[in-house]
Amino acid sequence: DAAKREVREELGVVCKEWKVLGNRFRTDVNRGMGWVHPYLARDCSYSSNTADNNQNKNDATDNPNDKEEVGGHDTEKQLVRIMKFSNVKRAVMDGRFVEVQWSNTVALAMLHLYLE
């Protein structure tokens, strides 16, 4: 429930289907703290009751100028980019997800989709 709430609050997105991608993974091994709990969220749409909503958010695009900053109501601003799956795959292969939490989660999600 916490992941669903965070996605809704931080990104203004509601997803109908959630798949756990493993139990949890440590992100700060040296100090024994910091965990990521990865999920694959599917059948998502922008919430109509989010202040950050606008009519163009559901248009799939890979144009770097088509970015939407959300979460401005708090200190955790996020930049949403809607990407085609083929471009996400290329970004993973090119190492463009530079945080281990993101590279791990995206790679696990892609593996899950591949094995489906």
C-alpha atoms as a PDB file:
ATOM      1  CA  ASP A   1       0.000   0.000   0.000  1.00  0.00           C
ATOM      2  CA  ALA A   2       2.893   2.376   0.683  1.00  0.00           C
ATOM      3  CA  ALA A   3       4.231   2.037  -2.878  1.00  0.00           C
ATOM      4  CA  LYS A   4       0.788   2.700  -4.342  1.00  0.00           C
ATOM      5  CA  ARG A   5       0.355   5.755  -2.128  1.00  0.00           C
ATOM      6  CA  GLU A   6       3.808   7.126  -3.012  1.00  0.00           C
ATOM      7  CA  VAL A   7       3.214   6.728  -6.758  1.00  0.00           C
ATOM      8  CA  ARG A   8      -0.163   8.435  -6.420  1.00  0.00           C
ATOM      9  CA  GLU A   9       1.145  11.277  -4.220  1.00  0.00           C
ATOM     10  CA  GLU A  10       4.521  11.879  -5.887  1.00  0.00           C
ATOM     11  CA  LEU A  11       3.625  11.279  -9.533  1.00  0.00           C
ATOM     12  CA  GLY A  12      -0.154  11.719  -9.631  1.00  0.00           C
ATOM     13  CA  VAL A  13      -0.460   8.211 -11.115  1.00  0.00           C
ATOM     14  CA  VAL A  14      -2.853   5.406 -10.193  1.00  0.00           C
ATOM     15  CA  CYS A  15      -2.064   1.844 -11.296  1.00  0.00           C
ATOM     16  CA  LYS A  16      -4.460  -1.095 -11.293  1.00  0.00           C
ATOM     17  CA  GLU A  17      -1.920  -3.930 -11.382  1.00  0.00           C
ATOM     18  CA  TRP A  18       1.141  -4.346  -9.151  1.00  0.00           C
ATOM     19  CA  LYS A  19       3.725  -7.126  -9.293  1.00  0.00           C
ATOM     20  CA  VAL A  20       6.387  -7.546  -6.608  1.00  0.00           C
ATOM     21  CA  LEU A  21       9.804  -7.954  -8.287  1.00  0.00           C
ATOM     22  CA  GLY A  22      11.616  -9.840  -5.559  1.00  0.00           C
ATOM     23  CA  ASN A  23      11.501  -9.418  -1.824  1.00  0.00           C
ATOM     24  CA  ARG A  24      13.927  -6.563  -1.210  1.00  0.00           C
ATOM     25  CA  PHE A  25      17.430  -5.529  -2.173  1.00  0.00           C
ATOM     26  CA  ARG A  26      19.996  -3.754  -0.009  1.00  0.00           C
ATOM     27  CA  THR A  27      21.243  -0.483  -1.488  1.00  0.00           C
ATOM     28  CA  ASP A  28      23.821   0.420   1.155  1.00  0.00           C
ATOM     29  CA  VAL A  29      25.704  -2.815   1.786  1.00  0.00           C
ATOM     30  CA  ASN A  30      28.658  -1.309   3.639  1.00  0.00           C
ATOM     31  CA  ARG A  31      26.512   0.158   6.384  1.00  0.00           C
ATOM     32  CA  GLY A  32      23.772  -2.486   6.298  1.00  0.00           C
ATOM     33  CA  MET A  33      20.926  -0.100   5.626  1.00  0.00           C
ATOM     34  CA  GLY A  34      18.901   1.240   2.735  1.00  0.00           C
ATOM     35  CA  TRP A  35      16.511  -1.131   1.017  1.00  0.00           C
ATOM     36  CA  VAL A  36      14.630  -1.058  -2.270  1.00  0.00           C
ATOM     37  CA  HIS A  37      11.358  -2.947  -2.675  1.00  0.00           C
ATOM     38  CA  PRO A  38      10.845  -3.095  -6.467  1.00  0.00           C
ATOM     39  CA  TYR A  39       7.465  -3.345  -8.166  1.00  0.00           C
ATOM     40  CA  LEU A  40       6.185  -3.430 -11.708  1.00  0.00           C
ATOM     41  CA  ALA A  41       3.086  -1.253 -11.937  1.00  0.00           C
ATOM     42  CA  ARG A  42       0.799  -1.706 -14.937  1.00  0.00           C
ATOM     43  CA  ASP A  43      -2.400  -0.301 -16.342  1.00  0.00           C
ATOM     44  CA  CYS A  44      -1.533   3.148 -15.016  1.00  0.00           C
ATOM     45  CA  SER A  45      -3.149   6.488 -15.646  1.00  0.00           C
ATOM     46  CA  TYR A  46      -2.886   9.974 -14.276  1.00  0.00           C
ATOM     47  CA  SER A  47      -5.263  10.622 -11.409  1.00  0.00           C
ATOM     48  CA  SER A  48      -8.049  13.045 -12.243  1.00  0.00           C
ATOM     49  CA  ASN A  49      -7.981  14.407  -8.699  1.00  0.00           C
ATOM     50  CA  THR A  50      -4.297  15.391  -8.707  1.00  0.00           C
ATOM     51  CA  ALA A  51      -3.397  19.066  -8.884  1.00  0.00           C
ATOM     52  CA  ASP A  52      -0.571  18.237 -11.299  1.00  0.00           C
ATOM     53  CA  ASN A  53      -2.906  16.705 -13.897  1.00  0.00           C
ATOM     54  CA  ASN A  54      -3.254  17.979 -17.461  1.00  0.00           C
ATOM     55  CA  GLN A  55      -4.761  16.639 -20.673  1.00  0.00           C
ATOM     56  CA  ASN A  56      -1.445  15.877 -22.405  1.00  0.00           C
ATOM     57  CA  LYS A  57       0.021  13.436 -19.878  1.00  0.00           C
ATOM     58  CA  ASN A  58      -1.302  10.270 -21.514  1.00  0.00           C
ATOM     59  CA  ASP A  59       0.310  11.029 -24.901  1.00  0.00           C
ATOM     60  CA  ALA A  60       3.200   8.568 -25.273  1.00  0.00           C
ATOM     61  CA  THR A  61       6.324  10.359 -26.366  1.00  0.00           C
ATOM     62  CA  ASP A  62      10.078  10.099 -26.205  1.00  0.00           C
ATOM     63  CA  ASN A  63      10.642  13.769 -26.922  1.00  0.00           C
ATOM     64  CA  PRO A  64      12.978  15.032 -24.166  1.00  0.00           C
ATOM     65  CA  ASN A  65      11.044  18.309 -24.178  1.00  0.00           C
ATOM     66  CA  ASP A  66       7.849  16.452 -23.218  1.00  0.00           C
ATOM     67  CA  LYS A  67       8.630  16.189 -19.514  1.00  0.00           C
ATOM     68  CA  GLU A  68       6.324  16.893 -16.655  1.00  0.00           C
ATOM     69  CA  GLU A  69       7.605  17.971 -13.269  1.00  0.00           C
ATOM     70  CA  VAL A  70       5.352  16.705 -10.535  1.00  0.00           C
ATOM     71  CA  GLY A  71       5.502  16.623  -6.763  1.00  0.00           C
ATOM     72  CA  GLY A  72       6.019  20.383  -6.530  1.00  0.00           C
ATOM     73  CA  HIS A  73       3.733  20.452  -3.505  1.00  0.00           C
ATOM     74  CA  ASP A  74       6.523  18.945  -1.390  1.00  0.00           C
ATOM     75  CA  THR A  75      10.292  18.613  -1.460  1.00  0.00           C
ATOM     76  CA  GLU A  76      10.442  15.442  -3.585  1.00  0.00           C
ATOM     77  CA  LYS A  77      10.060  16.823  -7.100  1.00  0.00           C
ATOM     78  CA  GLN A  78      10.011  14.161  -9.788  1.00  0.00           C
ATOM     79  CA  LEU A  79      10.476  14.485 -13.524  1.00  0.00           C
ATOM     80  CA  VAL A  80       8.169  12.182 -15.474  1.00  0.00           C
ATOM     81  CA  ARG A  81       9.176  11.016 -18.935  1.00  0.00           C
ATOM     82  CA  ILE A  82       6.891   8.744 -20.903  1.00  0.00           C
ATOM     83  CA  MET A  83       9.061   6.430 -23.003  1.00  0.00           C
ATOM     84  CA  LYS A  84       8.461   3.659 -25.498  1.00  0.00           C
ATOM     85  CA  PHE A  85       9.519   0.235 -24.226  1.00  0.00           C
ATOM     86  CA  SER A  86      12.206  -0.051 -26.909  1.00  0.00           C
ATOM     87  CA  ASN A  87      13.772   3.195 -25.687  1.00  0.00           C
ATOM     88  CA  VAL A  88      13.689   2.045 -22.060  1.00  0.00           C
ATOM     89  CA  LYS A  89      15.477  -1.118 -23.166  1.00  0.00           C
ATOM     90  CA  ARG A  90      18.137   0.943 -24.932  1.00  0.00           C
ATOM     91  CA  ALA A  91      18.531   3.209 -21.872  1.00  0.00           C
ATOM     92  CA  VAL A  92      19.137   0.137 -19.674  1.00  0.00           C
ATOM     93  CA  MET A  93      21.675  -1.278 -22.113  1.00  0.00           C
ATOM     94  CA  ASP A  94      23.432   2.099 -22.374  1.00  0.00           C
ATOM     95  CA  GLY A  95      23.638   2.453 -18.584  1.00  0.00           C
ATOM     96  CA  ARG A  96      21.522   5.607 -18.437  1.00  0.00           C
ATOM     97  CA  PHE A  97      19.800   4.544 -15.204  1.00  0.00           C
ATOM     98  CA  VAL A  98      22.716   5.528 -12.991  1.00  0.00           C
ATOM     99  CA  GLU A  99      21.225   4.823  -9.555  1.00  0.00           C
ATOM    100  CA  VAL A 100      21.377   1.183  -8.524  1.00  0.00           C
ATOM    101  CA  GLN A 101      17.783   1.286  -7.271  1.00  0.00           C
ATOM    102  CA  TRP A 102      16.514   2.336 -10.697  1.00  0.00           C
ATOM    103  CA  SER A 103      18.755   0.100 -12.781  1.00  0.00           C
ATOM    104  CA  ASN A 104      17.810  -2.885 -10.602  1.00  0.00           C
ATOM    105  CA  THR A 105      14.087  -2.171 -10.724  1.00  0.00           C
ATOM    106  CA  VAL A 106      13.969  -1.461 -14.466  1.00  0.00           C
ATOM    107  CA  ALA A 107      16.058  -4.546 -15.312  1.00  0.00           C
ATOM    108  CA  LEU A 108      13.869  -6.763 -13.096  1.00  0.00           C
ATOM    109  CA  ALA A 109      10.703  -5.325 -14.678  1.00  0.00           C
ATOM    110  CA  MET A 110      12.044  -5.942 -18.179  1.00  0.00           C
ATOM    111  CA  LEU A 111      13.031  -9.509 -17.264  1.00  0.00           C
ATOM    112  CA  HIS A 112       9.570 -10.109 -15.820  1.00  0.00           C
ATOM    113  CA  LEU A 113       7.910  -8.815 -18.996  1.00  0.00           C
ATOM    114  CA  TYR A 114      10.247 -10.907 -21.164  1.00  0.00           C
ATOM    115  CA  LEU A 115       9.470 -14.098 -19.239  1.00  0.00           C
ATOM    116  CA  GLU A 116       5.705 -13.542 -19.215  1.00  0.00           C
END
